[in-house]
Amino acid sequence: MSILDQVKFDEKGLVTAVARDAETGRVVMLAYMNREALQKTIETKIATYYSRSRQKLWIKGESSGHTQKVLHIYIDCDGDAILLDIQQQGAACHKGYFSCFYREIHDLDSEPQIIEEPLFDPKKVY
């Protein structure tokens, strides 16, 4: 049985994929993969995802140059989530931050606090 047959893709044919920086363990983004994206990621060791908004595959960094080299791929116990250990080149977030999780929530009544500086200006990249 192929590893792809062990993944439980949802009714839209997608599985959640979490990318974390292999050096620090920090989660840098959450995205989705369909069967083809996961297959390409396994084969090329470059993170490939499925864009729900554009309805197509996208190689992380194809526009910005901020790619993700995949070092390890894990599947969870239920087969319904993928974890990628990656080497992030540049920023993971399309808003210019290293991680998409650059805002910290402290309480219900205040805005999230930005906890890092952007690495690039998205207006100059996209």
PDB file of N, CA and C in Angstrom:
ATOM      1  N   MET A   1       0.838  -1.182   0.000  1.00  0.00           N
ATOM      2  CA  MET A   1       0.000   0.000   0.000  1.00  0.00           C
ATOM      3  C   MET A   1       0.884   1.247   0.000  1.00  0.00           C
ATOM      4  N   SER A   2       0.594   2.157  -0.888  1.00  0.00           N
ATOM      5  CA  SER A   2       1.319   3.428  -0.967  1.00  0.00           C
ATOM      6  C   SER A   2       1.042   4.262   0.274  1.00  0.00           C
ATOM      7  N   ILE A   3       2.028   5.041   0.684  1.00  0.00           N
ATOM      8  CA  ILE A   3       1.823   5.958   1.809  1.00  0.00           C
ATOM      9  C   ILE A   3       0.659   6.901   1.521  1.00  0.00           C
ATOM     10  N   LEU A   4       0.479   7.259   0.265  1.00  0.00           N
ATOM     11  CA  LEU A   4      -0.622   8.162  -0.088  1.00  0.00           C
ATOM     12  C   LEU A   4      -1.972   7.542   0.217  1.00  0.00           C
ATOM     13  N   ASP A   5      -2.050   6.223   0.194  1.00  0.00           N
ATOM     14  CA  ASP A   5      -3.301   5.536   0.516  1.00  0.00           C
ATOM     15  C   ASP A   5      -3.556   5.490   2.016  1.00  0.00           C
ATOM     16  N   GLN A   6      -2.551   5.811   2.805  1.00  0.00           N
ATOM     17  CA  GLN A   6      -2.705   5.818   4.260  1.00  0.00           C
ATOM     18  C   GLN A   6      -3.149   7.176   4.790  1.00  0.00           C
ATOM     19  N   VAL A   7      -3.121   8.188   3.940  1.00  0.00           N
ATOM     20  CA  VAL A   7      -3.540   9.531   4.343  1.00  0.00           C
ATOM     21  C   VAL A   7      -5.052   9.642   4.192  1.00  0.00           C
ATOM     22  N   LYS A   8      -5.688  10.179   5.213  1.00  0.00           N
ATOM     23  CA  LYS A   8      -7.139  10.383   5.183  1.00  0.00           C
ATOM     24  C   LYS A   8      -7.428  11.801   4.699  1.00  0.00           C
ATOM     25  N   PHE A   9      -7.560  11.947   3.396  1.00  0.00           N
ATOM     26  CA  PHE A   9      -7.921  13.232   2.819  1.00  0.00           C
ATOM     27  C   PHE A   9      -9.390  13.493   3.125  1.00  0.00           C
ATOM     28  N   ASP A  10      -9.758  14.743   3.368  1.00  0.00           N
ATOM     29  CA  ASP A  10     -11.143  15.075   3.696  1.00  0.00           C
ATOM     30  C   ASP A  10     -12.034  15.009   2.457  1.00  0.00           C
ATOM     31  N   GLU A  11     -13.287  15.412   2.618  1.00  0.00           N
ATOM     32  CA  GLU A  11     -14.265  15.338   1.527  1.00  0.00           C
ATOM     33  C   GLU A  11     -13.903  16.210   0.330  1.00  0.00           C
ATOM     34  N   LYS A  12     -13.011  17.185   0.542  1.00  0.00           N
ATOM     35  CA  LYS A  12     -12.534  18.031  -0.557  1.00  0.00           C
ATOM     36  C   LYS A  12     -11.219  17.514  -1.125  1.00  0.00           C
ATOM     37  N   GLY A  13     -10.746  16.391  -0.590  1.00  0.00           N
ATOM     38  CA  GLY A  13      -9.502  15.807  -1.066  1.00  0.00           C
ATOM     39  C   GLY A  13      -8.261  16.437  -0.466  1.00  0.00           C
ATOM     40  N   LEU A  14      -8.408  17.063   0.706  1.00  0.00           N
ATOM     41  CA  LEU A  14      -7.305  17.798   1.330  1.00  0.00           C
ATOM     42  C   LEU A  14      -6.933  17.214   2.687  1.00  0.00           C
ATOM     43  N   VAL A  15      -5.697  17.439   3.075  1.00  0.00           N
ATOM     44  CA  VAL A  15      -5.213  17.091   4.406  1.00  0.00           C
ATOM     45  C   VAL A  15      -4.459  18.313   4.944  1.00  0.00           C
ATOM     46  N   THR A  16      -4.597  18.567   6.235  1.00  0.00           N
ATOM     47  CA  THR A  16      -3.896  19.669   6.886  1.00  0.00           C
ATOM     48  C   THR A  16      -2.400  19.370   6.922  1.00  0.00           C
ATOM     49  N   ALA A  17      -1.607  20.379   6.618  1.00  0.00           N
ATOM     50  CA  ALA A  17      -0.154  20.245   6.658  1.00  0.00           C
ATOM     51  C   ALA A  17       0.434  21.387   7.484  1.00  0.00           C
ATOM     52  N   VAL A  18       1.207  21.042   8.490  1.00  0.00           N
ATOM     53  CA  VAL A  18       1.869  22.015   9.343  1.00  0.00           C
ATOM     54  C   VAL A  18       3.356  22.001   8.998  1.00  0.00           C
ATOM     55  N   ALA A  19       3.909  23.179   8.770  1.00  0.00           N
ATOM     56  CA  ALA A  19       5.343  23.302   8.489  1.00  0.00           C
ATOM     57  C   ALA A  19       6.025  23.932   9.693  1.00  0.00           C
ATOM     58  N   ARG A  20       7.079  23.275  10.166  1.00  0.00           N
ATOM     59  CA  ARG A  20       7.828  23.842  11.294  1.00  0.00           C
ATOM     60  C   ARG A  20       9.305  23.922  10.932  1.00  0.00           C
ATOM     61  N   ASP A  21       9.938  24.918  11.462  1.00  0.00           N
ATOM     62  CA  ASP A  21      11.357  25.119  11.236  1.00  0.00           C
ATOM     63  C   ASP A  21      12.126  23.998  11.940  1.00  0.00           C
ATOM     64  N   ALA A  22      12.907  23.250  11.187  1.00  0.00           N
ATOM     65  CA  ALA A  22      13.615  22.094  11.732  1.00  0.00           C
ATOM     66  C   ALA A  22      14.648  22.488  12.782  1.00  0.00           C
ATOM     67  N   GLU A  23      15.216  23.668  12.665  1.00  0.00           N
ATOM     68  CA  GLU A  23      16.254  24.091  13.604  1.00  0.00           C
ATOM     69  C   GLU A  23      15.677  24.531  14.940  1.00  0.00           C
ATOM     70  N   THR A  24      14.583  25.308  14.911  1.00  0.00           N
ATOM     71  CA  THR A  24      14.043  25.883  16.141  1.00  0.00           C
ATOM     72  C   THR A  24      12.799  25.167  16.660  1.00  0.00           C
ATOM     73  N   GLY A  25      12.130  24.405  15.811  1.00  0.00           N
ATOM     74  CA  GLY A  25      10.877  23.763  16.198  1.00  0.00           C
ATOM     75  C   GLY A  25       9.679  24.695  16.119  1.00  0.00           C
ATOM     76  N   ARG A  26       9.886  25.908  15.677  1.00  0.00           N
ATOM     77  CA  ARG A  26       8.803  26.887  15.586  1.00  0.00           C
ATOM     78  C   ARG A  26       7.886  26.572  14.400  1.00  0.00           C
ATOM     79  N   VAL A  27       6.587  26.593  14.632  1.00  0.00           N
ATOM     80  CA  VAL A  27       5.628  26.416  13.546  1.00  0.00           C
ATOM     81  C   VAL A  27       5.650  27.676  12.699  1.00  0.00           C
ATOM     82  N   VAL A  28       5.836  27.513  11.386  1.00  0.00           N
ATOM     83  CA  VAL A  28       5.906  28.682  10.521  1.00  0.00           C
ATOM     84  C   VAL A  28       4.649  28.870   9.684  1.00  0.00           C
ATOM     85  N   MET A  29       3.923  27.801   9.432  1.00  0.00           N
ATOM     86  CA  MET A  29       2.675  27.973   8.683  1.00  0.00           C
ATOM     87  C   MET A  29       1.824  26.710   8.730  1.00  0.00           C
ATOM     88  N   LEU A  30       0.564  26.890   8.393  1.00  0.00           N
ATOM     89  CA  LEU A  30      -0.385  25.806   8.229  1.00  0.00           C
ATOM     90  C   LEU A  30      -0.985  25.962   6.842  1.00  0.00           C
ATOM     91  N   ALA A  31      -1.055  24.864   6.123  1.00  0.00           N
ATOM     92  CA  ALA A  31      -1.615  24.901   4.772  1.00  0.00           C
ATOM     93  C   ALA A  31      -2.315  23.570   4.523  1.00  0.00           C
ATOM     94  N   TYR A  32      -2.652  23.320   3.280  1.00  0.00           N
ATOM     95  CA  TYR A  32      -3.336  22.089   2.909  1.00  0.00           C
ATOM     96  C   TYR A  32      -2.633  21.444   1.728  1.00  0.00           C
ATOM     97  N   MET A  33      -2.740  20.133   1.682  1.00  0.00           N
ATOM     98  CA  MET A  33      -2.195  19.367   0.565  1.00  0.00           C
ATOM     99  C   MET A  33      -3.285  18.458   0.021  1.00  0.00           C
ATOM    100  N   ASN A  34      -3.293  18.324  -1.285  1.00  0.00           N
ATOM    101  CA  ASN A  34      -4.087  17.244  -1.866  1.00  0.00           C
ATOM    102  C   ASN A  34      -3.111  16.104  -2.165  1.00  0.00           C
ATOM    103  N   ARG A  35      -3.596  15.045  -2.747  1.00  0.00           N
ATOM    104  CA  ARG A  35      -2.764  13.874  -3.015  1.00  0.00           C
ATOM    105  C   ARG A  35      -1.550  14.235  -3.888  1.00  0.00           C
ATOM    106  N   GLU A  36      -1.791  15.026  -4.927  1.00  0.00           N
ATOM    107  CA  GLU A  36      -0.706  15.398  -5.840  1.00  0.00           C
ATOM    108  C   GLU A  36       0.342  16.258  -5.141  1.00  0.00           C
ATOM    109  N   ALA A  37      -0.094  17.196  -4.307  1.00  0.00           N
ATOM    110  CA  ALA A  37       0.848  18.060  -3.587  1.00  0.00           C
ATOM    111  C   ALA A  37       1.726  17.248  -2.644  1.00  0.00           C
ATOM    112  N   LEU A  38       1.119  16.307  -1.924  1.00  0.00           N
ATOM    113  CA  LEU A  38       1.896  15.465  -1.020  1.00  0.00           C
ATOM    114  C   LEU A  38       2.874  14.596  -1.799  1.00  0.00           C
ATOM    115  N   GLN A  39       2.425  14.046  -2.903  1.00  0.00           N
ATOM    116  CA  GLN A  39       3.299  13.225  -3.734  1.00  0.00           C
ATOM    117  C   GLN A  39       4.499  14.032  -4.228  1.00  0.00           C
ATOM    118  N   LYS A  40       4.239  15.242  -4.729  1.00  0.00           N
ATOM    119  CA  LYS A  40       5.337  16.089  -5.226  1.00  0.00           C
ATOM    120  C   LYS A  40       6.292  16.478  -4.098  1.00  0.00           C
ATOM    121  N   THR A  41       5.745  16.741  -2.916  1.00  0.00           N
ATOM    122  CA  THR A  41       6.578  17.086  -1.769  1.00  0.00           C
ATOM    123  C   THR A  41       7.488  15.912  -1.401  1.00  0.00           C
ATOM    124  N   ILE A  42       6.942  14.720  -1.377  1.00  0.00           N
ATOM    125  CA  ILE A  42       7.737  13.527  -1.065  1.00  0.00           C
ATOM    126  C   ILE A  42       8.824  13.323  -2.117  1.00  0.00           C
ATOM    127  N   GLU A  43       8.468  13.484  -3.381  1.00  0.00           N
ATOM    128  CA  GLU A  43       9.415  13.238  -4.472  1.00  0.00           C
ATOM    129  C   GLU A  43      10.505  14.296  -4.579  1.00  0.00           C
ATOM    130  N   THR A  44      10.144  15.570  -4.414  1.00  0.00           N
ATOM    131  CA  THR A  44      11.102  16.662  -4.656  1.00  0.00           C
ATOM    132  C   THR A  44      11.775  17.188  -3.397  1.00  0.00           C
ATOM    133  N   LYS A  45      11.187  16.922  -2.240  1.00  0.00           N
ATOM    134  CA  LYS A  45      11.665  17.466  -0.958  1.00  0.00           C
ATOM    135  C   LYS A  45      11.583  18.993  -0.919  1.00  0.00           C
ATOM    136  N   ILE A  46      10.714  19.555  -1.739  1.00  0.00           N
ATOM    137  CA  ILE A  46      10.368  20.980  -1.715  1.00  0.00           C
ATOM    138  C   ILE A  46       8.872  21.051  -1.406  1.00  0.00           C
ATOM    139  N   ALA A  47       8.502  21.852  -0.403  1.00  0.00           N
ATOM    140  CA  ALA A  47       7.108  21.898   0.033  1.00  0.00           C
ATOM    141  C   ALA A  47       6.194  22.384  -1.092  1.00  0.00           C
ATOM    142  N   THR A  48       5.207  21.560  -1.389  1.00  0.00           N
ATOM    143  CA  THR A  48       4.188  21.876  -2.380  1.00  0.00           C
ATOM    144  C   THR A  48       2.839  21.731  -1.694  1.00  0.00           C
ATOM    145  N   TYR A  49       1.993  22.723  -1.859  1.00  0.00           N
ATOM    146  CA  TYR A  49       0.696  22.743  -1.191  1.00  0.00           C
ATOM    147  C   TYR A  49      -0.418  22.892  -2.224  1.00  0.00           C
ATOM    148  N   TYR A  50      -1.650  22.831  -1.729  1.00  0.00           N
ATOM    149  CA  TYR A  50      -2.809  23.082  -2.576  1.00  0.00           C
ATOM    150  C   TYR A  50      -3.453  24.372  -2.089  1.00  0.00           C
ATOM    151  N   SER A  51      -3.580  25.332  -2.982  1.00  0.00           N
ATOM    152  CA  SER A  51      -4.209  26.607  -2.639  1.00  0.00           C
ATOM    153  C   SER A  51      -5.718  26.479  -2.766  1.00  0.00           C
ATOM    154  N   ARG A  52      -6.407  26.617  -1.650  1.00  0.00           N
ATOM    155  CA  ARG A  52      -7.874  26.537  -1.684  1.00  0.00           C
ATOM    156  C   ARG A  52      -8.470  27.749  -2.388  1.00  0.00           C
ATOM    157  N   SER A  53      -7.837  28.905  -2.270  1.00  0.00           N
ATOM    158  CA  SER A  53      -8.383  30.108  -2.904  1.00  0.00           C
ATOM    159  C   SER A  53      -8.168  30.103  -4.414  1.00  0.00           C
ATOM    160  N   ARG A  54      -7.011  29.612  -4.851  1.00  0.00           N
ATOM    161  CA  ARG A  54      -6.708  29.588  -6.287  1.00  0.00           C
ATOM    162  C   ARG A  54      -7.074  28.263  -6.952  1.00  0.00           C
ATOM    163  N   GLN A  55      -7.415  27.274  -6.128  1.00  0.00           N
ATOM    164  CA  GLN A  55      -7.808  25.951  -6.630  1.00  0.00           C
ATOM    165  C   GLN A  55      -6.721  25.316  -7.497  1.00  0.00           C
ATOM    166  N   LYS A  56      -5.474  25.390  -7.005  1.00  0.00           N
ATOM    167  CA  LYS A  56      -4.373  24.782  -7.754  1.00  0.00           C
ATOM    168  C   LYS A  56      -3.187  24.524  -6.837  1.00  0.00           C
ATOM    169  N   LEU A  57      -2.262  23.714  -7.328  1.00  0.00           N
ATOM    170  CA  LEU A  57      -1.027  23.453  -6.595  1.00  0.00           C
ATOM    171  C   LEU A  57      -0.164  24.701  -6.566  1.00  0.00           C
ATOM    172  N   TRP A  58       0.600  24.862  -5.508  1.00  0.00           N
ATOM    173  CA  TRP A  58       1.606  25.922  -5.469  1.00  0.00           C
ATOM    174  C   TRP A  58       2.812  25.431  -4.699  1.00  0.00           C
ATOM    175  N   ILE A  59       3.947  25.687  -5.275  1.00  0.00           N
ATOM    176  CA  ILE A  59       5.210  25.383  -4.632  1.00  0.00           C
ATOM    177  C   ILE A  59       5.534  26.575  -3.746  1.00  0.00           C
ATOM    178  N   LYS A  60       5.738  26.318  -2.477  1.00  0.00           N
ATOM    179  CA  LYS A  60       6.038  27.410  -1.549  1.00  0.00           C
ATOM    180  C   LYS A  60       7.269  28.158  -2.050  1.00  0.00           C
ATOM    181  N   GLY A  61       7.110  29.452  -2.247  1.00  0.00           N
ATOM    182  CA  GLY A  61       8.201  30.294  -2.699  1.00  0.00           C
ATOM    183  C   GLY A  61       8.242  30.516  -4.193  1.00  0.00           C
ATOM    184  N   GLU A  62       7.262  29.974  -4.934  1.00  0.00           N
ATOM    185  CA  GLU A  62       7.307  30.138  -6.389  1.00  0.00           C
ATOM    186  C   GLU A  62       7.200  31.599  -6.809  1.00  0.00           C
ATOM    187  N   SER A  63       6.542  32.441  -6.021  1.00  0.00           N
ATOM    188  CA  SER A  63       6.456  33.875  -6.331  1.00  0.00           C
ATOM    189  C   SER A  63       7.541  34.669  -5.607  1.00  0.00           C
ATOM    190  N   SER A  64       7.753  34.346  -4.344  1.00  0.00           N
ATOM    191  CA  SER A  64       8.654  35.138  -3.503  1.00  0.00           C
ATOM    192  C   SER A  64      10.104  34.663  -3.515  1.00  0.00           C
ATOM    193  N   GLY A  65      10.321  33.411  -3.864  1.00  0.00           N
ATOM    194  CA  GLY A  65      11.651  32.829  -3.765  1.00  0.00           C
ATOM    195  C   GLY A  65      11.940  32.273  -2.380  1.00  0.00           C
ATOM    196  N   HIS A  66      10.982  32.373  -1.468  1.00  0.00           N
ATOM    197  CA  HIS A  66      11.144  31.911  -0.088  1.00  0.00           C
ATOM    198  C   HIS A  66      10.657  30.473   0.037  1.00  0.00           C
ATOM    199  N   THR A  67      11.490  29.559  -0.397  1.00  0.00           N
ATOM    200  CA  THR A  67      11.116  28.148  -0.485  1.00  0.00           C
ATOM    201  C   THR A  67      11.277  27.417   0.848  1.00  0.00           C
ATOM    202  N   GLN A  68      10.707  26.214   0.881  1.00  0.00           N
ATOM    203  CA  GLN A  68      10.835  25.345   2.039  1.00  0.00           C
ATOM    204  C   GLN A  68      11.436  24.016   1.597  1.00  0.00           C
ATOM    205  N   LYS A  69      12.658  23.762   2.031  1.00  0.00           N
ATOM    206  CA  LYS A  69      13.286  22.469   1.788  1.00  0.00           C
ATOM    207  C   LYS A  69      12.790  21.511   2.867  1.00  0.00           C
ATOM    208  N   VAL A  70      12.244  20.397   2.450  1.00  0.00           N
ATOM    209  CA  VAL A  70      11.648  19.450   3.388  1.00  0.00           C
ATOM    210  C   VAL A  70      12.703  18.438   3.838  1.00  0.00           C
ATOM    211  N   LEU A  71      12.917  18.372   5.142  1.00  0.00           N
ATOM    212  CA  LEU A  71      13.887  17.439   5.715  1.00  0.00           C
ATOM    213  C   LEU A  71      13.230  16.149   6.198  1.00  0.00           C
ATOM    214  N   HIS A  72      12.035  16.290   6.790  1.00  0.00           N
ATOM    215  CA  HIS A  72      11.307  15.133   7.314  1.00  0.00           C
ATOM    216  C   HIS A  72       9.815  15.348   7.091  1.00  0.00           C
ATOM    217  N   ILE A  73       9.097  14.263   6.854  1.00  0.00           N
ATOM    218  CA  ILE A  73       7.648  14.303   6.705  1.00  0.00           C
ATOM    219  C   ILE A  73       7.067  13.287   7.675  1.00  0.00           C
ATOM    220  N   TYR A  74       6.120  13.727   8.483  1.00  0.00           N
ATOM    221  CA  TYR A  74       5.472  12.863   9.462  1.00  0.00           C
ATOM    222  C   TYR A  74       3.969  12.818   9.173  1.00  0.00           C
ATOM    223  N   ILE A  75       3.367  11.702   9.495  1.00  0.00           N
ATOM    224  CA  ILE A  75       1.914  11.558   9.409  1.00  0.00           C
ATOM    225  C   ILE A  75       1.421  11.261  10.822  1.00  0.00           C
ATOM    226  N   ASP A  76       0.306  11.851  11.216  1.00  0.00           N
ATOM    227  CA  ASP A  76      -0.168  11.632  12.579  1.00  0.00           C
ATOM    228  C   ASP A  76      -0.845  10.266  12.711  1.00  0.00           C
ATOM    229  N   CYS A  77      -1.192   9.914  13.932  1.00  0.00           N
ATOM    230  CA  CYS A  77      -1.720   8.584  14.237  1.00  0.00           C
ATOM    231  C   CYS A  77      -3.025   8.268  13.521  1.00  0.00           C
ATOM    232  N   ASP A  78      -3.830   9.274  13.234  1.00  0.00           N
ATOM    233  CA  ASP A  78      -5.101   9.059  12.536  1.00  0.00           C
ATOM    234  C   ASP A  78      -4.961   9.169  11.025  1.00  0.00           C
ATOM    235  N   GLY A  79      -3.817   9.615  10.563  1.00  0.00           N
ATOM    236  CA  GLY A  79      -3.593   9.765   9.128  1.00  0.00           C
ATOM    237  C   GLY A  79      -4.237  10.999   8.537  1.00  0.00           C
ATOM    238  N   ASP A  80      -4.711  11.922   9.394  1.00  0.00           N
ATOM    239  CA  ASP A  80      -5.425  13.085   8.869  1.00  0.00           C
ATOM    240  C   ASP A  80      -4.689  14.409   9.052  1.00  0.00           C
ATOM    241  N   ALA A  81      -3.383  14.336   9.282  1.00  0.00           N
ATOM    242  CA  ALA A  81      -2.561  15.536   9.366  1.00  0.00           C
ATOM    243  C   ALA A  81      -1.120  15.179   9.015  1.00  0.00           C
ATOM    244  N   ILE A  82      -0.460  16.128   8.357  1.00  0.00           N
ATOM    245  CA  ILE A  82       0.928  15.972   7.950  1.00  0.00           C
ATOM    246  C   ILE A  82       1.753  17.044   8.658  1.00  0.00           C
ATOM    247  N   LEU A  83       2.948  16.668   9.102  1.00  0.00           N
ATOM    248  CA  LEU A  83       3.886  17.608   9.715  1.00  0.00           C
ATOM    249  C   LEU A  83       5.169  17.572   8.898  1.00  0.00           C
ATOM    250  N   LEU A  84       5.610  18.743   8.469  1.00  0.00           N
ATOM    251  CA  LEU A  84       6.839  18.866   7.700  1.00  0.00           C
ATOM    252  C   LEU A  84       7.897  19.562   8.542  1.00  0.00           C
ATOM    253  N   ASP A  85       9.068  18.968   8.662  1.00  0.00           N
ATOM    254  CA  ASP A  85      10.227  19.670   9.207  1.00  0.00           C
ATOM    255  C   ASP A  85      10.936  20.277   8.006  1.00  0.00           C
ATOM    256  N   ILE A  86      11.090  21.586   8.039  1.00  0.00           N
ATOM    257  CA  ILE A  86      11.595  22.288   6.854  1.00  0.00           C
ATOM    258  C   ILE A  86      12.760  23.207   7.188  1.00  0.00           C
ATOM    259  N   GLN A  87      13.516  23.557   6.157  1.00  0.00           N
ATOM    260  CA  GLN A  87      14.476  24.653   6.216  1.00  0.00           C
ATOM    261  C   GLN A  87      13.844  25.771   5.410  1.00  0.00           C
ATOM    262  N   GLN A  88      13.442  26.811   6.101  1.00  0.00           N
ATOM    263  CA  GLN A  88      12.778  27.946   5.474  1.00  0.00           C
ATOM    264  C   GLN A  88      13.817  28.898   4.904  1.00  0.00           C
ATOM    265  N   GLN A  89      13.681  29.201   3.634  1.00  0.00           N
ATOM    266  CA  GLN A  89      14.530  30.211   2.992  1.00  0.00           C
ATOM    267  C   GLN A  89      13.747  31.522   2.988  1.00  0.00           C
ATOM    268  N   GLY A  90      14.188  32.499   3.754  1.00  0.00           N
ATOM    269  CA  GLY A  90      13.460  33.766   3.839  1.00  0.00           C
ATOM    270  C   GLY A  90      12.253  33.628   4.753  1.00  0.00           C
ATOM    271  N   ALA A  91      11.156  34.245   4.361  1.00  0.00           N
ATOM    272  CA  ALA A  91       9.949  34.280   5.180  1.00  0.00           C
ATOM    273  C   ALA A  91       8.925  33.255   4.704  1.00  0.00           C
ATOM    274  N   ALA A  92       8.202  32.669   5.644  1.00  0.00           N
ATOM    275  CA  ALA A  92       7.125  31.737   5.300  1.00  0.00           C
ATOM    276  C   ALA A  92       5.821  32.482   5.029  1.00  0.00           C
ATOM    277  N   CYS A  93       5.627  33.591   5.706  1.00  0.00           N
ATOM    278  CA  CYS A  93       4.357  34.316   5.639  1.00  0.00           C
ATOM    279  C   CYS A  93       4.310  35.269   4.438  1.00  0.00           C
ATOM    280  N   HIS A  94       3.183  35.270   3.744  1.00  0.00           N
ATOM    281  CA  HIS A  94       3.033  36.162   2.588  1.00  0.00           C
ATOM    282  C   HIS A  94       2.957  37.638   2.995  1.00  0.00           C
ATOM    283  N   LYS A  95       2.860  37.892   4.305  1.00  0.00           N
ATOM    284  CA  LYS A  95       2.870  39.277   4.784  1.00  0.00           C
ATOM    285  C   LYS A  95       4.275  39.730   5.168  1.00  0.00           C
ATOM    286  N   GLY A  96       5.270  38.878   4.900  1.00  0.00           N
ATOM    287  CA  GLY A  96       6.651  39.271   5.080  1.00  0.00           C
ATOM    288  C   GLY A  96       7.328  38.769   6.343  1.00  0.00           C
ATOM    289  N   TYR A  97       6.600  38.089   7.208  1.00  0.00           N
ATOM    290  CA  TYR A  97       7.158  37.605   8.460  1.00  0.00           C
ATOM    291  C   TYR A  97       7.721  36.194   8.290  1.00  0.00           C
ATOM    292  N   PHE A  98       8.696  35.847   9.148  1.00  0.00           N
ATOM    293  CA  PHE A  98       9.277  34.514   9.090  1.00  0.00           C
ATOM    294  C   PHE A  98       8.204  33.445   9.280  1.00  0.00           C
ATOM    295  N   SER A  99       7.326  33.655  10.256  1.00  0.00           N
ATOM    296  CA  SER A  99       6.245  32.720  10.556  1.00  0.00           C
ATOM    297  C   SER A  99       4.897  33.391  10.330  1.00  0.00           C
ATOM    298  N   CYS A 100       3.930  32.612   9.895  1.00  0.00           N
ATOM    299  CA  CYS A 100       2.562  33.133   9.791  1.00  0.00           C
ATOM    300  C   CYS A 100       1.993  33.420  11.180  1.00  0.00           C
ATOM    301  N   PHE A 101       2.608  32.842  12.205  1.00  0.00           N
ATOM    302  CA  PHE A 101       2.164  33.029  13.584  1.00  0.00           C
ATOM    303  C   PHE A 101       3.034  34.099  14.249  1.00  0.00           C
ATOM    304  N   TYR A 102       2.910  35.320  13.751  1.00  0.00           N
ATOM    305  CA  TYR A 102       3.736  36.436  14.230  1.00  0.00           C
ATOM    306  C   TYR A 102       2.972  37.355  15.188  1.00  0.00           C
ATOM    307  N   ARG A 103       1.719  37.008  15.524  1.00  0.00           N
ATOM    308  CA  ARG A 103       0.913  37.828  16.432  1.00  0.00           C
ATOM    309  C   ARG A 103       0.518  36.993  17.651  1.00  0.00           C
ATOM    310  N   GLU A 104       0.705  37.590  18.823  1.00  0.00           N
ATOM    311  CA  GLU A 104       0.387  36.892  20.073  1.00  0.00           C
ATOM    312  C   GLU A 104      -0.834  37.523  20.726  1.00  0.00           C
ATOM    313  N   ILE A 105      -1.738  36.668  21.173  1.00  0.00           N
ATOM    314  CA  ILE A 105      -2.962  37.113  21.856  1.00  0.00           C
ATOM    315  C   ILE A 105      -2.711  37.100  23.357  1.00  0.00           C
ATOM    316  N   HIS A 106      -3.057  38.227  24.013  1.00  0.00           N
ATOM    317  CA  HIS A 106      -2.867  38.324  25.457  1.00  0.00           C
ATOM    318  C   HIS A 106      -4.182  38.305  26.219  1.00  0.00           C
ATOM    319  N   ASP A 107      -5.211  38.915  25.676  1.00  0.00           N
ATOM    320  CA  ASP A 107      -6.511  38.919  26.347  1.00  0.00           C
ATOM    321  C   ASP A 107      -7.610  39.180  25.324  1.00  0.00           C
ATOM    322  N   LEU A 108      -8.843  39.136  25.782  1.00  0.00           N
ATOM    323  CA  LEU A 108      -9.996  39.285  24.893  1.00  0.00           C
ATOM    324  C   LEU A 108     -10.241  40.705  24.421  1.00  0.00           C
ATOM    325  N   ASP A 109      -9.710  41.684  25.119  1.00  0.00           N
ATOM    326  CA  ASP A 109     -10.056  43.072  24.838  1.00  0.00           C
ATOM    327  C   ASP A 109      -8.996  43.877  24.091  1.00  0.00           C
ATOM    328  N   SER A 110      -7.883  43.252  23.728  1.00  0.00           N
ATOM    329  CA  SER A 110      -6.848  44.013  23.025  1.00  0.00           C
ATOM    330  C   SER A 110      -6.469  43.300  21.724  1.00  0.00           C
ATOM    331  N   GLU A 111      -5.890  44.072  20.851  1.00  0.00           N
ATOM    332  CA  GLU A 111      -5.424  43.529  19.576  1.00  0.00           C
ATOM    333  C   GLU A 111      -4.227  42.609  19.808  1.00  0.00           C
ATOM    334  N   PRO A 112      -4.057  41.619  18.961  1.00  0.00           N
ATOM    335  CA  PRO A 112      -2.861  40.786  19.091  1.00  0.00           C
ATOM    336  C   PRO A 112      -1.596  41.627  18.933  1.00  0.00           C
ATOM    337  N   GLN A 113      -0.562  41.248  19.650  1.00  0.00           N
ATOM    338  CA  GLN A 113       0.710  41.953  19.614  1.00  0.00           C
ATOM    339  C   GLN A 113       1.617  41.309  18.572  1.00  0.00           C
ATOM    340  N   ILE A 114       2.193  42.125  17.699  1.00  0.00           N
ATOM    341  CA  ILE A 114       3.153  41.628  16.714  1.00  0.00           C
ATOM    342  C   ILE A 114       4.451  41.344  17.459  1.00  0.00           C
ATOM    343  N   ILE A 115       4.960  40.122  17.312  1.00  0.00           N
ATOM    344  CA  ILE A 115       6.105  39.694  18.106  1.00  0.00           C
ATOM    345  C   ILE A 115       7.409  39.552  17.311  1.00  0.00           C
ATOM    346  N   GLU A 116       7.394  39.932  16.033  1.00  0.00           N
ATOM    347  CA  GLU A 116       8.624  39.886  15.242  1.00  0.00           C
ATOM    348  C   GLU A 116       8.566  40.940  14.152  1.00  0.00           C
ATOM    349  N   GLU A 117       9.701  41.219  13.588  1.00  0.00           N
ATOM    350  CA  GLU A 117       9.801  42.194  12.504  1.00  0.00           C
ATOM    351  C   GLU A 117       9.647  41.477  11.165  1.00  0.00           C
ATOM    352  N   PRO A 118       9.019  42.127  10.189  1.00  0.00           N
ATOM    353  CA  PRO A 118       8.925  41.496   8.866  1.00  0.00           C
ATOM    354  C   PRO A 118      10.307  41.400   8.212  1.00  0.00           C
ATOM    355  N   LEU A 119      10.467  40.372   7.391  1.00  0.00           N
ATOM    356  CA  LEU A 119      11.729  40.168   6.668  1.00  0.00           C
ATOM    357  C   LEU A 119      11.727  40.825   5.298  1.00  0.00           C
ATOM    358  N   PHE A 120      10.512  41.090   4.767  1.00  0.00           N
ATOM    359  CA  PHE A 120      10.417  41.749   3.467  1.00  0.00           C
ATOM    360  C   PHE A 120       9.094  42.482   3.361  1.00  0.00           C
ATOM    361  N   ASP A 121       9.014  43.372   2.385  1.00  0.00           N
ATOM    362  CA  ASP A 121       7.802  44.124   2.109  1.00  0.00           C
ATOM    363  C   ASP A 121       7.017  43.373   1.044  1.00  0.00           C
ATOM    364  N   PRO A 122       5.856  42.826   1.371  1.00  0.00           N
ATOM    365  CA  PRO A 122       5.101  42.040   0.396  1.00  0.00           C
ATOM    366  C   PRO A 122       4.696  42.836  -0.855  1.00  0.00           C
ATOM    367  N   LYS A 123       4.562  44.148  -0.737  1.00  0.00           N
ATOM    368  CA  LYS A 123       4.204  44.973  -1.890  1.00  0.00           C
ATOM    369  C   LYS A 123       5.301  44.943  -2.956  1.00  0.00           C
ATOM    370  N   LYS A 124       6.529  44.667  -2.526  1.00  0.00           N
ATOM    371  CA  LYS A 124       7.648  44.620  -3.466  1.00  0.00           C
ATOM    372  C   LYS A 124       7.857  43.224  -4.052  1.00  0.00           C
ATOM    373  N   VAL A 125       7.164  42.225  -3.482  1.00  0.00           N
ATOM    374  CA  VAL A 125       7.372  40.837  -3.908  1.00  0.00           C
ATOM    375  C   VAL A 125       6.196  40.297  -4.705  1.00  0.00           C
ATOM    376  N   TYR A 126       4.979  40.643  -4.278  1.00  0.00           N
ATOM    377  CA  TYR A 126       3.779  40.061  -4.928  1.00  0.00           C
ATOM    378  C   TYR A 126       3.097  41.062  -5.835  1.00  0.00           C
TER     379      TYR A 126
END
